[in-house]
Amino acid sequence: METEKDLNDAILKITLKIRNEYPELLKYLVEMPVTIPNTNSPEINIKILKDYYESLNSLLKEYTPNHSETANK
């Protein structure tokens, strides 16, 4: 089972990868619904963190096959 710390670490790692390797995707991170809570004090739990990680992972999986360095060579 993944802990909150594990998920936060995974989110940080994938976010840094996007920032460093695919900066053109940063605009999508700001637009993701999970980053714009609709309450003043949103509850952050394992499910929300896991969903957010999966959305980041999905973004990379959909983008990288067509935009990797090897695809451009």
C-alpha atoms as a PDB file:
ATOM      1  CA  MET A   1       0.000   0.000   0.000  1.00  0.00           C
ATOM      2  CA  GLU A   2       1.255   3.445  -0.841  1.00  0.00           C
ATOM      3  CA  THR A   3       1.566   5.996   1.900  1.00  0.00           C
ATOM      4  CA  GLU A   4       0.926   9.705   1.607  1.00  0.00           C
ATOM      5  CA  LYS A   5       4.692  10.264   1.725  1.00  0.00           C
ATOM      6  CA  ASP A   6       5.276   7.735  -1.077  1.00  0.00           C
ATOM      7  CA  LEU A   7       2.693   9.440  -3.262  1.00  0.00           C
ATOM      8  CA  ASN A   8       4.039  12.918  -2.513  1.00  0.00           C
ATOM      9  CA  ASP A   9       7.537  11.708  -3.428  1.00  0.00           C
ATOM     10  CA  ALA A  10       6.246  10.162  -6.672  1.00  0.00           C
ATOM     11  CA  ILE A  11       4.341  13.348  -7.545  1.00  0.00           C
ATOM     12  CA  LEU A  12       7.439  15.447  -6.904  1.00  0.00           C
ATOM     13  CA  LYS A  13       9.572  13.132  -9.045  1.00  0.00           C
ATOM     14  CA  ILE A  14       7.187  13.116 -12.006  1.00  0.00           C
ATOM     15  CA  THR A  15       6.620  16.883 -11.726  1.00  0.00           C
ATOM     16  CA  LEU A  16      10.378  17.487 -11.811  1.00  0.00           C
ATOM     17  CA  LYS A  17      10.675  15.203 -14.831  1.00  0.00           C
ATOM     18  CA  ILE A  18       7.997  17.221 -16.628  1.00  0.00           C
ATOM     19  CA  ARG A  19       9.665  20.502 -15.634  1.00  0.00           C
ATOM     20  CA  ASN A  20      13.137  19.379 -16.745  1.00  0.00           C
ATOM     21  CA  GLU A  21      12.402  17.223 -19.800  1.00  0.00           C
ATOM     22  CA  TYR A  22       9.055  18.493 -21.112  1.00  0.00           C
ATOM     23  CA  PRO A  23       8.631  22.111 -19.947  1.00  0.00           C
ATOM     24  CA  GLU A  24       6.013  22.655 -22.642  1.00  0.00           C
ATOM     25  CA  LEU A  25       3.668  20.513 -20.516  1.00  0.00           C
ATOM     26  CA  LEU A  26       3.846  22.810 -17.483  1.00  0.00           C
ATOM     27  CA  LYS A  27       0.822  24.758 -18.680  1.00  0.00           C
ATOM     28  CA  TYR A  28      -1.274  21.594 -18.296  1.00  0.00           C
ATOM     29  CA  LEU A  29      -0.238  21.133 -14.670  1.00  0.00           C
ATOM     30  CA  VAL A  30      -1.808  24.452 -13.766  1.00  0.00           C
ATOM     31  CA  GLU A  31      -5.022  23.502 -15.556  1.00  0.00           C
ATOM     32  CA  MET A  32      -5.497  20.123 -13.849  1.00  0.00           C
ATOM     33  CA  PRO A  33      -8.694  20.109 -11.746  1.00  0.00           C
ATOM     34  CA  VAL A  34      -6.996  18.565  -8.727  1.00  0.00           C
ATOM     35  CA  THR A  35      -4.677  21.587  -8.497  1.00  0.00           C
ATOM     36  CA  ILE A  36      -7.634  23.983  -8.327  1.00  0.00           C
ATOM     37  CA  PRO A  37      -9.722  22.905  -5.339  1.00  0.00           C
ATOM     38  CA  ASN A  38     -13.248  24.248  -5.114  1.00  0.00           C
ATOM     39  CA  THR A  39     -13.145  24.656  -1.332  1.00  0.00           C
ATOM     40  CA  ASN A  40     -11.132  26.883   0.991  1.00  0.00           C
ATOM     41  CA  SER A  41      -9.686  23.970   2.966  1.00  0.00           C
ATOM     42  CA  PRO A  42      -9.604  20.963   0.677  1.00  0.00           C
ATOM     43  CA  GLU A  43      -9.022  17.579   2.241  1.00  0.00           C
ATOM     44  CA  ILE A  44      -6.008  15.857   0.747  1.00  0.00           C
ATOM     45  CA  ASN A  45      -6.069  12.103   1.094  1.00  0.00           C
ATOM     46  CA  ILE A  46      -4.445   9.039  -0.447  1.00  0.00           C
ATOM     47  CA  LYS A  47      -7.088   8.728  -3.163  1.00  0.00           C
ATOM     48  CA  ILE A  48      -6.722  12.354  -4.254  1.00  0.00           C
ATOM     49  CA  LEU A  49      -2.935  12.056  -4.316  1.00  0.00           C
ATOM     50  CA  LYS A  50      -3.100   8.787  -6.241  1.00  0.00           C
ATOM     51  CA  ASP A  51      -5.545  10.262  -8.764  1.00  0.00           C
ATOM     52  CA  TYR A  52      -3.282  13.272  -9.227  1.00  0.00           C
ATOM     53  CA  TYR A  53      -0.224  11.069  -9.726  1.00  0.00           C
ATOM     54  CA  GLU A  54      -2.116   8.968 -12.262  1.00  0.00           C
ATOM     55  CA  SER A  55      -3.180  12.091 -14.165  1.00  0.00           C
ATOM     56  CA  LEU A  56       0.451  13.265 -14.328  1.00  0.00           C
ATOM     57  CA  ASN A  57       1.593   9.828 -15.416  1.00  0.00           C
ATOM     58  CA  SER A  58      -1.122   9.691 -18.068  1.00  0.00           C
ATOM     59  CA  LEU A  59      -0.098  13.111 -19.373  1.00  0.00           C
ATOM     60  CA  LEU A  60       3.472  11.903 -19.808  1.00  0.00           C
ATOM     61  CA  LYS A  61       2.468   8.581 -21.383  1.00  0.00           C
ATOM     62  CA  GLU A  62       0.266  10.307 -23.940  1.00  0.00           C
ATOM     63  CA  TYR A  63       2.822  12.978 -24.771  1.00  0.00           C
ATOM     64  CA  THR A  64       6.226  11.281 -24.763  1.00  0.00           C
ATOM     65  CA  PRO A  65       5.824   8.708 -27.575  1.00  0.00           C
ATOM     66  CA  ASN A  66       5.346  11.495 -30.101  1.00  0.00           C
ATOM     67  CA  HIS A  67       7.684  14.062 -28.590  1.00  0.00           C
ATOM     68  CA  SER A  68      10.678  12.225 -27.196  1.00  0.00           C
ATOM     69  CA  GLU A  69      14.177  13.060 -28.386  1.00  0.00           C
ATOM     70  CA  THR A  70      14.376   9.785 -30.298  1.00  0.00           C
ATOM     71  CA  ALA A  71      11.108  10.531 -32.119  1.00  0.00           C
ATOM     72  CA  ASN A  72      12.590  13.801 -33.349  1.00  0.00           C
ATOM     73  CA  LYS A  73      15.729  12.196 -34.841  1.00  0.00           C
END
